[in-house]
Amino acid sequence: MQAATIFFQFEADFVESLRCIPMQVRYKLDTCGVKLKLHHWHQLDSDERQGLVEMPCETTQEIADYRRQLRQWVRDRSGETPKDLALDPDPPWLGDQVPETVREKGRSLDLEISDHQWATLSPLQRFALIKLSRPSHENRNFYPALQEFGLL
């Protein structure tokens, strides 16, 4: 499953207009180490936003190209340079165990997510659950994501 082609159903209310940053772009941001603020996203034109959706960001060269292009577009539109994100050499969405934040969020809904279930998910699905389970994130899409991913 290539992250560049996936929109989730729980994102359907904003995907067509790309008014919010979709998970697949957030995944790429974490992959290339760029912190993109929502106001930067809003300053990009629709072709640039769509470009960030479609541009590959998997190989070392693609990651470097994605980072360079993203930073250039943000500088061109806002005059600002987006901040760097620390790159995790072992990101939890590539691991074989359910991260504790995801387990805890599941338990808060009286659900137990097993490592076996976790293993059946794509890295992008795992990434989404991690992001949606963070205490600082609005978690209303966690349950719909579990449904969409066949974990209920």
C-alpha atoms as a PDB file:
ATOM      1  CA  MET A   1       0.000   0.000   0.000  1.00  0.00           C
ATOM      2  CA  GLN A   2       1.620   3.240  -1.089  1.00  0.00           C
ATOM      3  CA  ALA A   3       0.919   6.114   1.282  1.00  0.00           C
ATOM      4  CA  ALA A   4       0.748   8.570  -1.625  1.00  0.00           C
ATOM      5  CA  THR A   5      -2.609   7.257  -2.819  1.00  0.00           C
ATOM      6  CA  ILE A   6      -4.566   6.757   0.390  1.00  0.00           C
ATOM      7  CA  PHE A   7      -7.246   8.929   1.966  1.00  0.00           C
ATOM      8  CA  PHE A   8      -9.126   7.550   4.926  1.00  0.00           C
ATOM      9  CA  GLN A   9     -12.901   7.657   5.294  1.00  0.00           C
ATOM     10  CA  PHE A  10     -12.565   9.462   8.622  1.00  0.00           C
ATOM     11  CA  GLU A  11     -10.933  12.330   6.680  1.00  0.00           C
ATOM     12  CA  ALA A  12     -13.783  12.578   4.150  1.00  0.00           C
ATOM     13  CA  ASP A  13     -15.170  15.836   5.538  1.00  0.00           C
ATOM     14  CA  PHE A  14     -12.064  17.795   4.490  1.00  0.00           C
ATOM     15  CA  VAL A  15     -10.188  15.703   1.909  1.00  0.00           C
ATOM     16  CA  GLU A  16     -11.872  17.093  -1.187  1.00  0.00           C
ATOM     17  CA  SER A  17     -10.925  20.680  -0.329  1.00  0.00           C
ATOM     18  CA  LEU A  18      -7.655  19.715   1.419  1.00  0.00           C
ATOM     19  CA  ARG A  19      -8.441  22.343   4.085  1.00  0.00           C
ATOM     20  CA  CYS A  20      -6.682  20.182   6.661  1.00  0.00           C
ATOM     21  CA  ILE A  21      -3.460  18.239   6.311  1.00  0.00           C
ATOM     22  CA  PRO A  22      -4.384  14.641   5.451  1.00  0.00           C
ATOM     23  CA  MET A  23      -2.753  11.734   7.256  1.00  0.00           C
ATOM     24  CA  GLN A  24      -0.771  10.674   4.214  1.00  0.00           C
ATOM     25  CA  VAL A  25       0.889  14.120   4.091  1.00  0.00           C
ATOM     26  CA  ARG A  26       1.430  14.094   7.861  1.00  0.00           C
ATOM     27  CA  TYR A  27       3.101  10.700   7.417  1.00  0.00           C
ATOM     28  CA  LYS A  28       5.393  12.175   4.781  1.00  0.00           C
ATOM     29  CA  LEU A  29       6.166  15.164   7.011  1.00  0.00           C
ATOM     30  CA  ASP A  30       7.323  12.830   9.782  1.00  0.00           C
ATOM     31  CA  THR A  31       9.279  10.837   7.199  1.00  0.00           C
ATOM     32  CA  CYS A  32      11.125  13.863   5.817  1.00  0.00           C
ATOM     33  CA  GLY A  33      11.483  15.704   9.133  1.00  0.00           C
ATOM     34  CA  VAL A  34       9.474  18.875   8.501  1.00  0.00           C
ATOM     35  CA  LYS A  35       7.025  20.520  10.903  1.00  0.00           C
ATOM     36  CA  LEU A  36       4.314  22.027   8.718  1.00  0.00           C
ATOM     37  CA  LYS A  37       1.934  24.329  10.535  1.00  0.00           C
ATOM     38  CA  LEU A  38      -1.670  24.541   9.438  1.00  0.00           C
ATOM     39  CA  HIS A  39      -1.284  28.206   8.523  1.00  0.00           C
ATOM     40  CA  HIS A  40       1.580  27.235   6.189  1.00  0.00           C
ATOM     41  CA  TRP A  41      -0.644  24.581   4.627  1.00  0.00           C
ATOM     42  CA  HIS A  42      -3.387  27.156   4.091  1.00  0.00           C
ATOM     43  CA  GLN A  43      -0.947  29.485   2.311  1.00  0.00           C
ATOM     44  CA  LEU A  44      -0.090  26.818  -0.267  1.00  0.00           C
ATOM     45  CA  ASP A  45      -2.207  26.863  -3.402  1.00  0.00           C
ATOM     46  CA  SER A  46      -4.361  23.882  -4.342  1.00  0.00           C
ATOM     47  CA  ASP A  47      -1.828  22.540  -6.867  1.00  0.00           C
ATOM     48  CA  GLU A  48       0.928  22.625  -4.244  1.00  0.00           C
ATOM     49  CA  ARG A  49      -1.262  20.871  -1.674  1.00  0.00           C
ATOM     50  CA  GLN A  50      -2.177  18.241  -4.246  1.00  0.00           C
ATOM     51  CA  GLY A  51       1.500  17.924  -5.130  1.00  0.00           C
ATOM     52  CA  LEU A  52       2.317  17.145  -1.508  1.00  0.00           C
ATOM     53  CA  VAL A  53      -0.376  14.476  -1.555  1.00  0.00           C
ATOM     54  CA  GLU A  54       0.902  12.881  -4.752  1.00  0.00           C
ATOM     55  CA  MET A  55       4.686  13.262  -4.470  1.00  0.00           C
ATOM     56  CA  PRO A  56       6.393  10.039  -3.433  1.00  0.00           C
ATOM     57  CA  CYS A  57       8.322  10.097  -0.161  1.00  0.00           C
ATOM     58  CA  GLU A  58       9.702   6.607   0.371  1.00  0.00           C
ATOM     59  CA  THR A  59      13.243   6.247  -0.956  1.00  0.00           C
ATOM     60  CA  THR A  60      16.148   8.300   0.352  1.00  0.00           C
ATOM     61  CA  GLN A  61      16.097  10.452  -2.803  1.00  0.00           C
ATOM     62  CA  GLU A  62      12.300  10.896  -2.744  1.00  0.00           C
ATOM     63  CA  ILE A  63      12.427  11.924   0.919  1.00  0.00           C
ATOM     64  CA  ALA A  64      15.135  14.517   0.196  1.00  0.00           C
ATOM     65  CA  ASP A  65      13.202  15.814  -2.849  1.00  0.00           C
ATOM     66  CA  TYR A  66       9.932  16.012  -0.895  1.00  0.00           C
ATOM     67  CA  ARG A  67      11.624  17.931   1.923  1.00  0.00           C
ATOM     68  CA  ARG A  68      13.315  20.349  -0.480  1.00  0.00           C
ATOM     69  CA  GLN A  69      10.141  21.028  -2.472  1.00  0.00           C
ATOM     70  CA  LEU A  70       7.955  21.447   0.610  1.00  0.00           C
ATOM     71  CA  ARG A  71      10.380  23.873   2.239  1.00  0.00           C
ATOM     72  CA  GLN A  72      10.656  25.856  -1.007  1.00  0.00           C
ATOM     73  CA  TRP A  73       6.889  26.180  -1.430  1.00  0.00           C
ATOM     74  CA  VAL A  74       6.455  27.311   2.183  1.00  0.00           C
ATOM     75  CA  ARG A  75       9.258  29.885   1.812  1.00  0.00           C
ATOM     76  CA  ASP A  76       7.777  31.113  -1.479  1.00  0.00           C
ATOM     77  CA  ARG A  77       4.287  31.530   0.010  1.00  0.00           C
ATOM     78  CA  SER A  78       5.009  32.692   3.554  1.00  0.00           C
ATOM     79  CA  GLY A  79       8.582  33.918   3.629  1.00  0.00           C
ATOM     80  CA  GLU A  80       9.115  31.509   6.529  1.00  0.00           C
ATOM     81  CA  THR A  81      11.098  28.302   6.708  1.00  0.00           C
ATOM     82  CA  PRO A  82       9.264  25.435   8.364  1.00  0.00           C
ATOM     83  CA  LYS A  83      10.935  23.975  11.426  1.00  0.00           C
ATOM     84  CA  ASP A  84      12.668  20.635  11.402  1.00  0.00           C
ATOM     85  CA  LEU A  85      11.261  17.579  13.133  1.00  0.00           C
ATOM     86  CA  ALA A  86      13.593  15.095  14.725  1.00  0.00           C
ATOM     87  CA  LEU A  87      13.631  11.929  12.647  1.00  0.00           C
ATOM     88  CA  ASP A  88      12.897   8.798  14.632  1.00  0.00           C
ATOM     89  CA  PRO A  89      15.333   6.079  13.485  1.00  0.00           C
ATOM     90  CA  ASP A  90      12.842   3.448  14.666  1.00  0.00           C
ATOM     91  CA  PRO A  91       9.356   4.938  14.242  1.00  0.00           C
ATOM     92  CA  PRO A  92       6.641   3.125  16.201  1.00  0.00           C
ATOM     93  CA  TRP A  93       4.421   2.726  13.132  1.00  0.00           C
ATOM     94  CA  LEU A  94       7.071   0.400  11.692  1.00  0.00           C
ATOM     95  CA  GLY A  95       7.313  -1.631  14.890  1.00  0.00           C
ATOM     96  CA  ASP A  96       5.581  -4.912  15.621  1.00  0.00           C
ATOM     97  CA  GLN A  97       4.058  -3.929  18.952  1.00  0.00           C
ATOM     98  CA  VAL A  98       1.100  -1.663  19.648  1.00  0.00           C
ATOM     99  CA  PRO A  99       2.414   1.593  21.154  1.00  0.00           C
ATOM    100  CA  GLU A 100       1.207   2.283  24.685  1.00  0.00           C
ATOM    101  CA  THR A 101      -0.701   5.434  23.670  1.00  0.00           C
ATOM    102  CA  VAL A 102      -2.731   3.395  21.173  1.00  0.00           C
ATOM    103  CA  ARG A 103      -3.332   0.614  23.748  1.00  0.00           C
ATOM    104  CA  GLU A 104      -4.481   3.158  26.335  1.00  0.00           C
ATOM    105  CA  LYS A 105      -6.793   4.944  23.912  1.00  0.00           C
ATOM    106  CA  GLY A 106      -8.283   1.594  22.896  1.00  0.00           C
ATOM    107  CA  ARG A 107      -8.797   0.640  26.538  1.00  0.00           C
ATOM    108  CA  SER A 108     -10.568   3.950  27.159  1.00  0.00           C
ATOM    109  CA  LEU A 109     -13.130   2.645  24.634  1.00  0.00           C
ATOM    110  CA  ASP A 110     -13.173  -0.824  26.244  1.00  0.00           C
ATOM    111  CA  LEU A 111     -11.164  -2.274  23.343  1.00  0.00           C
ATOM    112  CA  GLU A 112      -7.989  -4.303  23.411  1.00  0.00           C
ATOM    113  CA  ILE A 113      -5.813  -3.961  20.313  1.00  0.00           C
ATOM    114  CA  SER A 114      -3.485  -6.924  19.991  1.00  0.00           C
ATOM    115  CA  ASP A 115      -0.013  -7.029  18.470  1.00  0.00           C
ATOM    116  CA  HIS A 116      -1.438  -9.468  15.919  1.00  0.00           C
ATOM    117  CA  GLN A 117      -4.062  -6.913  14.846  1.00  0.00           C
ATOM    118  CA  TRP A 118      -1.368  -4.234  14.732  1.00  0.00           C
ATOM    119  CA  ALA A 119       0.691  -6.443  12.412  1.00  0.00           C
ATOM    120  CA  THR A 120      -2.184  -6.592   9.908  1.00  0.00           C
ATOM    121  CA  LEU A 121      -2.234  -2.800   9.489  1.00  0.00           C
ATOM    122  CA  SER A 122      -0.243  -0.816   6.950  1.00  0.00           C
ATOM    123  CA  PRO A 123       2.378   1.633   8.247  1.00  0.00           C
ATOM    124  CA  LEU A 124       0.065   4.512   7.269  1.00  0.00           C
ATOM    125  CA  GLN A 125      -2.839   3.007   9.244  1.00  0.00           C
ATOM    126  CA  ARG A 126      -0.558   2.519  12.245  1.00  0.00           C
ATOM    127  CA  PHE A 127       0.702   6.094  11.897  1.00  0.00           C
ATOM    128  CA  ALA A 128      -2.896   7.359  11.863  1.00  0.00           C
ATOM    129  CA  LEU A 129      -3.788   5.458  15.041  1.00  0.00           C
ATOM    130  CA  ILE A 130      -0.682   6.777  16.783  1.00  0.00           C
ATOM    131  CA  LYS A 131      -1.515  10.360  15.808  1.00  0.00           C
ATOM    132  CA  LEU A 132      -5.174   9.948  16.734  1.00  0.00           C
ATOM    133  CA  SER A 133      -4.339   8.477  20.142  1.00  0.00           C
ATOM    134  CA  ARG A 134      -2.105  11.299  21.334  1.00  0.00           C
ATOM    135  CA  PRO A 135      -3.461  13.162  24.356  1.00  0.00           C
ATOM    136  CA  SER A 136      -2.827  16.513  22.658  1.00  0.00           C
ATOM    137  CA  HIS A 137      -4.825  15.536  19.558  1.00  0.00           C
ATOM    138  CA  GLU A 138      -8.540  15.822  19.049  1.00  0.00           C
ATOM    139  CA  ASN A 139      -9.400  12.143  19.269  1.00  0.00           C
ATOM    140  CA  ARG A 140     -12.860  12.058  17.685  1.00  0.00           C
ATOM    141  CA  ASN A 141     -11.532  10.112  14.695  1.00  0.00           C
ATOM    142  CA  PHE A 142      -9.856   7.335  16.684  1.00  0.00           C
ATOM    143  CA  TYR A 143     -12.992   5.189  16.901  1.00  0.00           C
ATOM    144  CA  PRO A 144     -13.953   5.740  13.218  1.00  0.00           C
ATOM    145  CA  ALA A 145     -10.388   4.815  12.273  1.00  0.00           C
ATOM    146  CA  LEU A 146     -10.647   1.579  14.271  1.00  0.00           C
ATOM    147  CA  GLN A 147     -13.864   0.786  12.424  1.00  0.00           C
ATOM    148  CA  GLU A 148     -12.367   1.619   9.049  1.00  0.00           C
ATOM    149  CA  PHE A 149      -9.292  -0.508   9.728  1.00  0.00           C
ATOM    150  CA  GLY A 150     -11.390  -3.528  10.753  1.00  0.00           C
ATOM    151  CA  LEU A 151     -10.289  -3.540  14.403  1.00  0.00           C
ATOM    152  CA  LEU A 152     -13.777  -3.570  15.923  1.00  0.00           C
END
